[in-house]
């Protein structure tokens, strides 16, 4: 039986993605696990032989790993219980920033924002422009709603039950 997933937890993970790490959802328990790409690559490319007497096929024996972390990475690689969450490349934060710019009603302000997101350093200039115009709260609200849409689409594409706990009153979806 699959767990009912917290939409807030998925949106939270999408907002804090880091290079070199991959986040998975255990669809049976609802647990979210973030592991390094390096560890995943190691387990996928350097499997321990079942007849290895020293390690006895046990992922916990991998060099330098905590036993719990090694077991989790091994489970991610070998089990169908884990689904990879959307990555930074699936989220397209630049596109979300651009969409936000087009929602700004004042023509001059909209032009300043659109100008800020072009070229090298776009993310820094965008944040500076947000703070200059005191619009950071508007941006984070917009971004959270965009991430929520991505999360809902991902959950529904994977036929997962979830609860919309992004507001005070949660709503269940199946």
C-alpha atoms as a PDB file:
ATOM      1  CA  UNK A   1       0.000   0.000   0.000  1.00  0.00           C
ATOM      2  CA  UNK A   2       1.399   3.376  -0.982  1.00  0.00           C
ATOM      3  CA  UNK A   3       1.716   6.195   1.502  1.00  0.00           C
ATOM      4  CA  UNK A   4      -0.188   9.460   1.210  1.00  0.00           C
ATOM      5  CA  UNK A   5       2.464  12.008   0.283  1.00  0.00           C
ATOM      6  CA  UNK A   6       2.815  15.479   1.768  1.00  0.00           C
ATOM      7  CA  UNK A   7       2.669  18.048  -1.048  1.00  0.00           C
ATOM      8  CA  UNK A   8       4.468  20.529   1.220  1.00  0.00           C
ATOM      9  CA  UNK A   9       7.407  18.134   1.577  1.00  0.00           C
ATOM     10  CA  UNK A  10       7.733  17.712  -2.201  1.00  0.00           C
ATOM     11  CA  UNK A  11       7.538  21.484  -2.795  1.00  0.00           C
ATOM     12  CA  UNK A  12      10.124  22.010  -0.043  1.00  0.00           C
ATOM     13  CA  UNK A  13      12.524  19.606  -1.711  1.00  0.00           C
ATOM     14  CA  UNK A  14      12.036  21.234  -5.102  1.00  0.00           C
ATOM     15  CA  UNK A  15      12.928  24.614  -3.620  1.00  0.00           C
ATOM     16  CA  UNK A  16      16.246  23.406  -2.130  1.00  0.00           C
ATOM     17  CA  UNK A  17      17.842  21.293  -4.848  1.00  0.00           C
ATOM     18  CA  UNK A  18      21.641  21.160  -4.933  1.00  0.00           C
ATOM     19  CA  UNK A  19      24.091  20.273  -7.659  1.00  0.00           C
ATOM     20  CA  UNK A  20      25.563  16.805  -7.265  1.00  0.00           C
ATOM     21  CA  UNK A  21      22.630  15.421  -5.275  1.00  0.00           C
ATOM     22  CA  UNK A  22      19.505  13.521  -6.280  1.00  0.00           C
ATOM     23  CA  UNK A  23      16.303  13.323  -4.272  1.00  0.00           C
ATOM     24  CA  UNK A  24      13.996  10.325  -4.181  1.00  0.00           C
ATOM     25  CA  UNK A  25      10.605   9.581  -2.705  1.00  0.00           C
ATOM     26  CA  UNK A  26       9.927   6.195  -1.164  1.00  0.00           C
ATOM     27  CA  UNK A  27       6.382   5.753  -2.442  1.00  0.00           C
ATOM     28  CA  UNK A  28       5.610   3.085   0.156  1.00  0.00           C
ATOM     29  CA  UNK A  29       6.630   5.108   3.223  1.00  0.00           C
ATOM     30  CA  UNK A  30       6.475   8.702   1.961  1.00  0.00           C
ATOM     31  CA  UNK A  31      10.066   9.264   3.110  1.00  0.00           C
ATOM     32  CA  UNK A  32      12.204  11.637   1.088  1.00  0.00           C
ATOM     33  CA  UNK A  33      15.859  10.749   0.675  1.00  0.00           C
ATOM     34  CA  UNK A  34      18.625  12.888  -0.825  1.00  0.00           C
ATOM     35  CA  UNK A  35      21.817  11.142  -1.880  1.00  0.00           C
ATOM     36  CA  UNK A  36      24.912  12.223  -3.736  1.00  0.00           C
ATOM     37  CA  UNK A  37      25.174  11.405  -7.412  1.00  0.00           C
ATOM     38  CA  UNK A  38      28.651  10.087  -6.644  1.00  0.00           C
ATOM     39  CA  UNK A  39      27.259   7.474  -4.216  1.00  0.00           C
ATOM     40  CA  UNK A  40      24.576   6.439  -6.718  1.00  0.00           C
ATOM     41  CA  UNK A  41      27.163   6.078  -9.468  1.00  0.00           C
ATOM     42  CA  UNK A  42      29.389   4.004  -7.186  1.00  0.00           C
ATOM     43  CA  UNK A  43      26.618   1.548  -6.312  1.00  0.00           C
ATOM     44  CA  UNK A  44      25.379   1.337  -9.906  1.00  0.00           C
ATOM     45  CA  UNK A  45      28.844   0.879 -11.418  1.00  0.00           C
ATOM     46  CA  UNK A  46      30.685  -1.045  -8.698  1.00  0.00           C
ATOM     47  CA  UNK A  47      28.253  -3.676  -7.430  1.00  0.00           C
ATOM     48  CA  UNK A  48      29.475  -6.016  -4.738  1.00  0.00           C
ATOM     49  CA  UNK A  49      29.511  -9.584  -5.936  1.00  0.00           C
ATOM     50  CA  UNK A  50      27.168 -11.879  -4.083  1.00  0.00           C
ATOM     51  CA  UNK A  51      29.987 -14.398  -3.657  1.00  0.00           C
ATOM     52  CA  UNK A  52      32.454 -11.857  -2.237  1.00  0.00           C
ATOM     53  CA  UNK A  53      33.453 -13.491   1.062  1.00  0.00           C
ATOM     54  CA  UNK A  54      34.862 -10.288   2.541  1.00  0.00           C
ATOM     55  CA  UNK A  55      31.644  -8.314   2.037  1.00  0.00           C
ATOM     56  CA  UNK A  56      29.117 -11.112   1.599  1.00  0.00           C
ATOM     57  CA  UNK A  57      27.151  -8.943  -0.880  1.00  0.00           C
ATOM     58  CA  UNK A  58      26.425  -6.464   1.907  1.00  0.00           C
ATOM     59  CA  UNK A  59      26.229  -2.807   0.825  1.00  0.00           C
ATOM     60  CA  UNK A  60      27.065  -1.772   4.392  1.00  0.00           C
ATOM     61  CA  UNK A  61      30.630  -2.868   3.772  1.00  0.00           C
ATOM     62  CA  UNK A  62      31.259  -0.193   1.151  1.00  0.00           C
ATOM     63  CA  UNK A  63      34.357   1.789   2.111  1.00  0.00           C
ATOM     64  CA  UNK A  64      33.817   4.880   4.247  1.00  0.00           C
ATOM     65  CA  UNK A  65      30.032   4.704   4.329  1.00  0.00           C
ATOM     66  CA  UNK A  66      27.710   4.735   7.275  1.00  0.00           C
ATOM     67  CA  UNK A  67      25.759   1.457   7.237  1.00  0.00           C
ATOM     68  CA  UNK A  68      22.330   3.150   7.087  1.00  0.00           C
ATOM     69  CA  UNK A  69      23.333   5.422   4.204  1.00  0.00           C
ATOM     70  CA  UNK A  70      24.815   2.536   2.247  1.00  0.00           C
ATOM     71  CA  UNK A  71      21.676   0.453   2.704  1.00  0.00           C
ATOM     72  CA  UNK A  72      19.511   3.346   1.552  1.00  0.00           C
ATOM     73  CA  UNK A  73      21.563   3.987  -1.602  1.00  0.00           C
ATOM     74  CA  UNK A  74      21.520   0.269  -2.357  1.00  0.00           C
ATOM     75  CA  UNK A  75      17.719   0.202  -1.897  1.00  0.00           C
ATOM     76  CA  UNK A  76      17.282   3.195  -4.221  1.00  0.00           C
ATOM     77  CA  UNK A  77      19.287   1.465  -6.940  1.00  0.00           C
ATOM     78  CA  UNK A  78      17.698  -1.980  -6.559  1.00  0.00           C
ATOM     79  CA  UNK A  79      14.105  -1.298  -5.474  1.00  0.00           C
ATOM     80  CA  UNK A  80      11.027  -0.123  -7.350  1.00  0.00           C
ATOM     81  CA  UNK A  81       9.868   1.685  -4.190  1.00  0.00           C
ATOM     82  CA  UNK A  82      11.859   4.843  -4.978  1.00  0.00           C
ATOM     83  CA  UNK A  83      10.938   7.525  -7.490  1.00  0.00           C
ATOM     84  CA  UNK A  84      13.324  10.283  -8.506  1.00  0.00           C
ATOM     85  CA  UNK A  85      11.905  13.741  -7.858  1.00  0.00           C
ATOM     86  CA  UNK A  86      12.114  16.351 -10.611  1.00  0.00           C
ATOM     87  CA  UNK A  87      15.622  17.781 -10.903  1.00  0.00           C
ATOM     88  CA  UNK A  88      16.816  21.378 -11.252  1.00  0.00           C
ATOM     89  CA  UNK A  89      16.640  20.873 -14.997  1.00  0.00           C
ATOM     90  CA  UNK A  90      12.978  19.793 -14.793  1.00  0.00           C
ATOM     91  CA  UNK A  91      12.030  22.814 -12.694  1.00  0.00           C
ATOM     92  CA  UNK A  92      13.524  25.535 -14.981  1.00  0.00           C
ATOM     93  CA  UNK A  93      13.802  28.298 -12.400  1.00  0.00           C
ATOM     94  CA  UNK A  94      14.831  30.772 -15.082  1.00  0.00           C
ATOM     95  CA  UNK A  95      11.495  30.206 -16.868  1.00  0.00           C
ATOM     96  CA  UNK A  96       9.679  30.732 -13.567  1.00  0.00           C
ATOM     97  CA  UNK A  97      11.541  34.025 -13.091  1.00  0.00           C
ATOM     98  CA  UNK A  98      10.609  35.117 -16.600  1.00  0.00           C
ATOM     99  CA  UNK A  99       6.936  34.233 -16.029  1.00  0.00           C
ATOM    100  CA  UNK A 100       7.023  36.279 -12.827  1.00  0.00           C
ATOM    101  CA  UNK A 101       8.397  39.274 -14.721  1.00  0.00           C
ATOM    102  CA  UNK A 102       5.460  39.178 -17.128  1.00  0.00           C
ATOM    103  CA  UNK A 103       2.976  39.300 -14.230  1.00  0.00           C
ATOM    104  CA  UNK A 104       4.246  42.729 -13.156  1.00  0.00           C
ATOM    105  CA  UNK A 105       1.634  45.311 -14.132  1.00  0.00           C
ATOM    106  CA  UNK A 106       3.815  48.422 -14.181  1.00  0.00           C
ATOM    107  CA  UNK A 107       5.532  48.648 -17.591  1.00  0.00           C
ATOM    108  CA  UNK A 108       8.719  50.327 -16.312  1.00  0.00           C
ATOM    109  CA  UNK A 109       9.126  47.858 -13.464  1.00  0.00           C
ATOM    110  CA  UNK A 110       8.423  44.884 -15.743  1.00  0.00           C
ATOM    111  CA  UNK A 111      11.107  46.173 -18.164  1.00  0.00           C
ATOM    112  CA  UNK A 112      13.614  46.473 -15.287  1.00  0.00           C
ATOM    113  CA  UNK A 113      12.957  42.886 -14.245  1.00  0.00           C
ATOM    114  CA  UNK A 114      13.132  41.522 -17.784  1.00  0.00           C
ATOM    115  CA  UNK A 115      16.373  43.414 -18.350  1.00  0.00           C
ATOM    116  CA  UNK A 116      17.797  42.024 -15.095  1.00  0.00           C
ATOM    117  CA  UNK A 117      17.351  38.376 -16.113  1.00  0.00           C
ATOM    118  CA  UNK A 118      19.394  38.566 -19.322  1.00  0.00           C
ATOM    119  CA  UNK A 119      23.022  37.537 -19.524  1.00  0.00           C
ATOM    120  CA  UNK A 120      25.566  36.411 -16.994  1.00  0.00           C
ATOM    121  CA  UNK A 121      24.617  37.066 -13.374  1.00  0.00           C
ATOM    122  CA  UNK A 122      20.864  37.027 -14.110  1.00  0.00           C
ATOM    123  CA  UNK A 123      19.893  35.354 -10.836  1.00  0.00           C
ATOM    124  CA  UNK A 124      21.833  37.875  -8.722  1.00  0.00           C
ATOM    125  CA  UNK A 125      20.470  40.867 -10.665  1.00  0.00           C
ATOM    126  CA  UNK A 126      16.941  39.445 -10.392  1.00  0.00           C
ATOM    127  CA  UNK A 127      17.244  39.174  -6.596  1.00  0.00           C
ATOM    128  CA  UNK A 128      18.741  42.657  -6.369  1.00  0.00           C
ATOM    129  CA  UNK A 129      15.824  44.038  -8.410  1.00  0.00           C
ATOM    130  CA  UNK A 130      13.354  42.184  -6.186  1.00  0.00           C
ATOM    131  CA  UNK A 131      14.809  43.784  -3.079  1.00  0.00           C
ATOM    132  CA  UNK A 132      15.093  47.229  -4.692  1.00  0.00           C
ATOM    133  CA  UNK A 133      11.354  47.139  -5.466  1.00  0.00           C
ATOM    134  CA  UNK A 134      10.472  45.393  -2.193  1.00  0.00           C
ATOM    135  CA  UNK A 135       8.874  42.490  -4.113  1.00  0.00           C
ATOM    136  CA  UNK A 136      10.657  39.501  -2.569  1.00  0.00           C
ATOM    137  CA  UNK A 137       7.476  38.242  -0.879  1.00  0.00           C
ATOM    138  CA  UNK A 138       5.614  38.444  -4.197  1.00  0.00           C
ATOM    139  CA  UNK A 139       8.379  36.439  -5.893  1.00  0.00           C
ATOM    140  CA  UNK A 140       8.523  33.718  -3.257  1.00  0.00           C
ATOM    141  CA  UNK A 141       4.739  33.345  -3.311  1.00  0.00           C
ATOM    142  CA  UNK A 142       4.818  33.090  -7.134  1.00  0.00           C
ATOM    143  CA  UNK A 143       7.732  30.629  -7.066  1.00  0.00           C
ATOM    144  CA  UNK A 144       6.057  28.462  -4.410  1.00  0.00           C
ATOM    145  CA  UNK A 145       2.895  28.283  -6.528  1.00  0.00           C
ATOM    146  CA  UNK A 146       4.939  27.345  -9.616  1.00  0.00           C
ATOM    147  CA  UNK A 147       6.767  24.622  -7.648  1.00  0.00           C
ATOM    148  CA  UNK A 148       3.443  23.403  -6.277  1.00  0.00           C
ATOM    149  CA  UNK A 149       2.123  22.976  -9.840  1.00  0.00           C
ATOM    150  CA  UNK A 150       5.243  21.011 -10.807  1.00  0.00           C
ATOM    151  CA  UNK A 151       4.926  18.829  -7.700  1.00  0.00           C
ATOM    152  CA  UNK A 152       1.216  18.128  -8.265  1.00  0.00           C
ATOM    153  CA  UNK A 153       1.861  17.201 -11.894  1.00  0.00           C
ATOM    154  CA  UNK A 154       4.705  14.874 -10.853  1.00  0.00           C
ATOM    155  CA  UNK A 155       2.594  13.228  -8.128  1.00  0.00           C
ATOM    156  CA  UNK A 156      -0.354  12.747 -10.476  1.00  0.00           C
ATOM    157  CA  UNK A 157       1.860  11.484 -13.325  1.00  0.00           C
ATOM    158  CA  UNK A 158       3.141   8.840 -10.907  1.00  0.00           C
ATOM    159  CA  UNK A 159      -0.377   8.004  -9.639  1.00  0.00           C
ATOM    160  CA  UNK A 160       0.515   8.913  -6.061  1.00  0.00           C
ATOM    161  CA  UNK A 161      -2.001   9.907  -3.417  1.00  0.00           C
ATOM    162  CA  UNK A 162      -1.142  13.185  -1.753  1.00  0.00           C
ATOM    163  CA  UNK A 163      -2.436  15.676   0.732  1.00  0.00           C
ATOM    164  CA  UNK A 164      -2.312  19.371  -0.073  1.00  0.00           C
ATOM    165  CA  UNK A 165      -0.849  20.543   3.211  1.00  0.00           C
ATOM    166  CA  UNK A 166       0.608  23.701   1.680  1.00  0.00           C
ATOM    167  CA  UNK A 167      -2.231  25.642   3.307  1.00  0.00           C
ATOM    168  CA  UNK A 168      -3.609  25.422   6.812  1.00  0.00           C
ATOM    169  CA  UNK A 169      -6.415  23.088   5.741  1.00  0.00           C
ATOM    170  CA  UNK A 170      -5.167  20.076   3.772  1.00  0.00           C
ATOM    171  CA  UNK A 171      -7.105  18.503   0.943  1.00  0.00           C
ATOM    172  CA  UNK A 172      -6.618  14.853  -0.023  1.00  0.00           C
ATOM    173  CA  UNK A 173      -6.156  13.876  -3.677  1.00  0.00           C
ATOM    174  CA  UNK A 174      -6.169  10.439  -5.241  1.00  0.00           C
END
